[in-house]
N, C-alpha and C. Protein backbone atom coordinates (compact mmCIF):
# COMPACT_ATOMS: atom_id res chain seq x y z
N UNK A 1 364.22 147.37 4.48
CA UNK A 1 363.25 146.79 3.57
C UNK A 1 363.93 145.94 2.50
N UNK A 2 365.04 146.42 1.96
CA UNK A 2 365.76 145.68 0.94
C UNK A 2 366.27 144.35 1.49
N UNK A 3 366.75 144.37 2.73
CA UNK A 3 367.25 143.15 3.37
C UNK A 3 366.14 142.10 3.48
N UNK A 4 364.95 142.51 3.86
CA UNK A 4 363.81 141.59 3.99
C UNK A 4 363.44 141.03 2.62
N UNK A 5 363.40 141.88 1.60
CA UNK A 5 363.06 141.45 0.25
C UNK A 5 364.09 140.45 -0.26
N UNK A 6 365.36 140.71 -0.02
CA UNK A 6 366.42 139.81 -0.45
C UNK A 6 366.27 138.44 0.20
N UNK A 7 365.95 138.41 1.48
CA UNK A 7 365.73 137.14 2.18
C UNK A 7 364.58 136.36 1.56
N UNK A 8 363.51 137.04 1.22
CA UNK A 8 362.36 136.38 0.61
C UNK A 8 362.72 135.79 -0.74
N UNK A 9 363.50 136.50 -1.52
CA UNK A 9 363.92 135.99 -2.82
C UNK A 9 364.79 134.75 -2.64
N UNK A 10 365.73 134.78 -1.73
CA UNK A 10 366.60 133.64 -1.48
C UNK A 10 365.79 132.44 -1.00
N UNK A 11 364.88 132.65 -0.09
CA UNK A 11 364.03 131.56 0.40
C UNK A 11 363.22 130.98 -0.75
N UNK A 12 362.69 131.82 -1.62
CA UNK A 12 361.93 131.35 -2.77
C UNK A 12 362.77 130.48 -3.69
N UNK A 13 364.02 130.84 -3.92
CA UNK A 13 364.90 130.04 -4.78
C UNK A 13 365.20 128.69 -4.15
N UNK A 14 365.41 128.66 -2.86
CA UNK A 14 365.70 127.40 -2.18
C UNK A 14 364.51 126.45 -2.28
N UNK A 15 363.31 126.95 -2.09
CA UNK A 15 362.12 126.12 -2.20
C UNK A 15 362.01 125.57 -3.61
N UNK A 16 362.25 126.40 -4.63
CA UNK A 16 362.18 125.95 -6.01
C UNK A 16 363.21 124.86 -6.27
N UNK A 17 364.43 125.07 -5.77
CA UNK A 17 365.49 124.09 -5.97
C UNK A 17 365.14 122.76 -5.32
N UNK A 18 364.60 122.78 -4.12
CA UNK A 18 364.20 121.55 -3.43
C UNK A 18 363.10 120.84 -4.21
N UNK A 19 362.10 121.58 -4.68
CA UNK A 19 361.01 120.98 -5.46
C UNK A 19 361.53 120.37 -6.75
N UNK A 20 362.44 121.07 -7.44
CA UNK A 20 363.00 120.56 -8.69
C UNK A 20 363.76 119.27 -8.42
N UNK A 21 364.57 119.24 -7.36
CA UNK A 21 365.34 118.05 -7.00
C UNK A 21 364.39 116.89 -6.70
N UNK A 22 363.33 117.14 -5.96
CA UNK A 22 362.37 116.09 -5.63
C UNK A 22 361.74 115.51 -6.88
N UNK A 23 361.38 116.37 -7.83
CA UNK A 23 360.79 115.90 -9.08
C UNK A 23 361.76 115.05 -9.88
N UNK A 24 363.02 115.45 -9.93
CA UNK A 24 364.04 114.70 -10.66
C UNK A 24 364.25 113.33 -10.02
N UNK A 25 364.33 113.28 -8.71
CA UNK A 25 364.50 112.00 -8.01
C UNK A 25 363.28 111.11 -8.24
N UNK A 26 362.10 111.68 -8.20
CA UNK A 26 360.87 110.92 -8.44
C UNK A 26 360.88 110.32 -9.85
N UNK A 27 361.31 111.10 -10.84
CA UNK A 27 361.40 110.60 -12.22
C UNK A 27 362.40 109.44 -12.31
N UNK A 28 363.55 109.59 -11.65
CA UNK A 28 364.55 108.52 -11.66
C UNK A 28 364.02 107.27 -10.96
N UNK A 29 363.28 107.46 -9.87
CA UNK A 29 362.69 106.33 -9.14
C UNK A 29 361.71 105.58 -10.04
N UNK A 30 360.89 106.32 -10.77
CA UNK A 30 359.94 105.69 -11.70
C UNK A 30 360.68 104.90 -12.78
N UNK A 31 361.76 105.47 -13.29
CA UNK A 31 362.54 104.82 -14.34
C UNK A 31 363.15 103.51 -13.85
N UNK A 32 363.67 103.51 -12.63
CA UNK A 32 364.36 102.32 -12.12
C UNK A 32 363.41 101.24 -11.64
N UNK A 33 362.14 101.58 -11.49
CA UNK A 33 361.16 100.59 -11.05
C UNK A 33 361.38 100.12 -9.63
N UNK A 34 362.02 100.96 -8.81
CA UNK A 34 362.26 100.60 -7.41
C UNK A 34 363.35 99.56 -7.24
N UNK A 35 364.27 99.50 -8.22
CA UNK A 35 365.38 98.54 -8.15
C UNK A 35 366.69 99.24 -8.44
N UNK A 36 367.75 98.73 -7.83
CA UNK A 36 369.09 99.31 -7.98
C UNK A 36 369.53 99.29 -9.45
N UNK A 37 370.07 100.42 -9.91
CA UNK A 37 370.50 100.56 -11.30
C UNK A 37 372.00 100.33 -11.49
N UNK A 38 372.72 99.96 -10.46
CA UNK A 38 374.17 99.81 -10.55
C UNK A 38 374.55 98.70 -11.53
N UNK A 39 375.51 99.02 -12.41
CA UNK A 39 376.08 98.03 -13.34
C UNK A 39 377.60 97.99 -13.22
N UNK A 40 378.12 98.43 -12.09
CA UNK A 40 379.57 98.52 -11.89
C UNK A 40 380.20 97.14 -12.00
N UNK A 41 381.18 97.01 -12.88
CA UNK A 41 381.80 95.71 -13.11
C UNK A 41 382.65 95.21 -11.95
N UNK A 42 382.99 96.07 -11.01
CA UNK A 42 383.80 95.63 -9.87
C UNK A 42 382.95 95.08 -8.72
N UNK A 43 381.62 95.11 -8.87
CA UNK A 43 380.73 94.59 -7.83
C UNK A 43 380.38 93.13 -8.12
N UNK A 44 379.73 92.49 -7.20
CA UNK A 44 379.41 91.06 -7.31
C UNK A 44 378.49 90.74 -8.48
N UNK A 45 377.76 91.71 -8.99
CA UNK A 45 376.83 91.48 -10.10
C UNK A 45 377.45 91.86 -11.43
N UNK A 46 378.69 91.52 -11.64
CA UNK A 46 379.51 91.90 -12.77
C UNK A 46 378.75 92.03 -14.09
N UNK A 47 378.82 93.22 -14.69
CA UNK A 47 378.28 93.56 -16.01
C UNK A 47 376.76 93.51 -16.14
N UNK A 48 376.06 93.08 -15.13
CA UNK A 48 374.60 93.12 -15.20
C UNK A 48 374.09 94.06 -14.12
N UNK A 49 372.87 94.49 -14.27
CA UNK A 49 372.28 95.42 -13.30
C UNK A 49 372.04 94.70 -11.98
N UNK A 50 372.31 95.36 -10.87
CA UNK A 50 372.13 94.79 -9.53
C UNK A 50 370.67 94.36 -9.32
N UNK A 51 369.73 95.26 -9.57
CA UNK A 51 368.29 94.98 -9.47
C UNK A 51 367.78 94.66 -8.07
N UNK A 52 368.53 95.01 -7.03
CA UNK A 52 368.03 94.80 -5.67
C UNK A 52 366.76 95.62 -5.46
N UNK A 53 365.74 95.01 -4.88
CA UNK A 53 364.46 95.69 -4.62
C UNK A 53 364.66 96.71 -3.50
N UNK A 54 364.19 97.93 -3.74
CA UNK A 54 364.36 99.03 -2.80
C UNK A 54 363.00 99.55 -2.34
N UNK A 55 363.00 100.22 -1.20
CA UNK A 55 361.78 100.83 -0.67
C UNK A 55 361.97 102.34 -0.67
N UNK A 56 361.04 103.03 -1.30
CA UNK A 56 361.14 104.48 -1.50
C UNK A 56 361.38 105.22 -0.19
N UNK A 57 360.69 104.85 0.86
CA UNK A 57 360.81 105.54 2.15
C UNK A 57 362.18 105.35 2.79
N UNK A 58 362.97 104.43 2.29
CA UNK A 58 364.28 104.15 2.89
C UNK A 58 365.43 104.88 2.17
N UNK A 59 365.11 105.98 1.49
CA UNK A 59 366.15 106.79 0.86
C UNK A 59 367.13 107.27 1.92
N UNK A 60 368.41 107.13 1.62
CA UNK A 60 369.52 107.56 2.49
C UNK A 60 369.61 106.78 3.80
N UNK A 61 368.97 105.64 3.88
CA UNK A 61 369.05 104.81 5.09
C UNK A 61 369.95 103.61 4.82
N UNK A 62 370.88 103.30 5.74
CA UNK A 62 371.80 102.18 5.54
C UNK A 62 371.14 100.83 5.84
N UNK A 63 370.18 100.47 5.02
CA UNK A 63 369.45 99.21 5.18
C UNK A 63 369.60 98.41 3.90
N UNK A 64 369.25 97.14 3.95
CA UNK A 64 369.35 96.30 2.76
C UNK A 64 368.45 96.80 1.64
N UNK A 65 367.33 97.43 2.00
CA UNK A 65 366.41 97.98 1.01
C UNK A 65 366.51 99.51 0.94
N UNK A 66 367.59 100.06 1.51
CA UNK A 66 367.83 101.50 1.45
C UNK A 66 368.51 101.87 0.14
N UNK A 67 368.49 103.15 -0.20
CA UNK A 67 369.06 103.57 -1.48
C UNK A 67 369.59 104.99 -1.42
N UNK A 68 370.42 105.31 -2.42
CA UNK A 68 371.06 106.62 -2.53
C UNK A 68 370.96 107.10 -3.97
N UNK A 69 371.02 108.40 -4.13
CA UNK A 69 371.08 109.02 -5.45
C UNK A 69 372.55 109.17 -5.82
N UNK A 70 372.92 108.71 -7.01
CA UNK A 70 374.29 108.81 -7.51
C UNK A 70 374.29 109.75 -8.71
N UNK A 71 375.14 110.77 -8.68
CA UNK A 71 375.24 111.73 -9.77
C UNK A 71 376.26 111.25 -10.78
N UNK A 72 375.88 111.16 -12.04
CA UNK A 72 376.78 110.69 -13.08
C UNK A 72 377.89 111.69 -13.37
N UNK A 73 377.61 112.97 -13.21
CA UNK A 73 378.60 114.00 -13.51
C UNK A 73 379.37 114.45 -12.28
N UNK A 74 379.04 113.92 -11.12
CA UNK A 74 379.73 114.30 -9.90
C UNK A 74 379.18 115.56 -9.26
N UNK A 75 378.17 116.16 -9.85
CA UNK A 75 377.54 117.35 -9.28
C UNK A 75 376.04 117.14 -9.24
N UNK A 76 375.35 118.00 -8.52
CA UNK A 76 373.90 117.88 -8.42
C UNK A 76 373.27 117.88 -9.81
N UNK A 77 372.33 117.01 -10.00
CA UNK A 77 371.70 116.84 -11.30
C UNK A 77 370.45 117.69 -11.43
N UNK A 78 370.16 118.10 -12.66
CA UNK A 78 368.90 118.79 -12.90
C UNK A 78 367.98 117.98 -13.80
N UNK A 79 368.42 116.79 -14.19
CA UNK A 79 367.58 115.89 -14.99
C UNK A 79 367.71 114.47 -14.45
N UNK A 80 366.68 113.69 -14.65
CA UNK A 80 366.69 112.30 -14.19
C UNK A 80 367.74 111.48 -14.93
N UNK A 81 368.07 111.86 -16.16
CA UNK A 81 369.07 111.13 -16.94
C UNK A 81 370.47 111.28 -16.35
N UNK A 82 370.67 112.28 -15.52
CA UNK A 82 371.98 112.56 -14.95
C UNK A 82 372.20 111.89 -13.59
N UNK A 83 371.22 111.13 -13.12
CA UNK A 83 371.37 110.44 -11.85
C UNK A 83 370.98 108.97 -11.98
N UNK A 84 371.47 108.17 -11.05
CA UNK A 84 371.11 106.76 -10.95
C UNK A 84 370.71 106.48 -9.51
N UNK A 85 369.87 105.48 -9.34
CA UNK A 85 369.44 105.03 -8.02
C UNK A 85 370.23 103.77 -7.69
N UNK A 86 371.00 103.81 -6.59
CA UNK A 86 371.82 102.67 -6.16
C UNK A 86 371.35 102.18 -4.80
N UNK A 87 371.38 100.87 -4.62
CA UNK A 87 371.13 100.32 -3.28
C UNK A 87 372.27 100.76 -2.37
N UNK A 88 372.05 100.68 -1.09
CA UNK A 88 373.06 101.15 -0.14
C UNK A 88 374.35 100.34 -0.27
N UNK A 89 374.23 99.05 -0.54
CA UNK A 89 375.40 98.19 -0.68
C UNK A 89 376.28 98.62 -1.86
N UNK A 90 375.68 98.85 -3.02
CA UNK A 90 376.44 99.29 -4.20
C UNK A 90 377.03 100.68 -3.97
N UNK A 91 376.28 101.55 -3.33
CA UNK A 91 376.75 102.90 -3.06
C UNK A 91 378.01 102.86 -2.19
N UNK A 92 378.03 102.01 -1.18
CA UNK A 92 379.19 101.91 -0.28
C UNK A 92 380.42 101.40 -1.02
N UNK A 93 380.25 100.57 -2.04
CA UNK A 93 381.38 100.00 -2.77
C UNK A 93 382.03 100.99 -3.72
N UNK A 94 381.32 102.05 -4.08
CA UNK A 94 381.88 103.05 -5.01
C UNK A 94 382.79 104.02 -4.32
């Protein structure tokens, strides 16, 4: 019985974590306005924001309008301020 209860608790935490991550990504997407937020000075758009138009459904797809979540601290973020939305091209250059 304890083993079954423990599994249910773990499954519940995973669902919560996935929902929290989805909400954070959605907030970051709203902030970026569906455009790449990269300002990396080593890229072709030196010192200015890339602003490439992205399509929400193309998350994690290697397309011109695909995009990735970039963590500013190098670890999974729990707030939208801790992540940036990058086009696939900018993500590959990092």
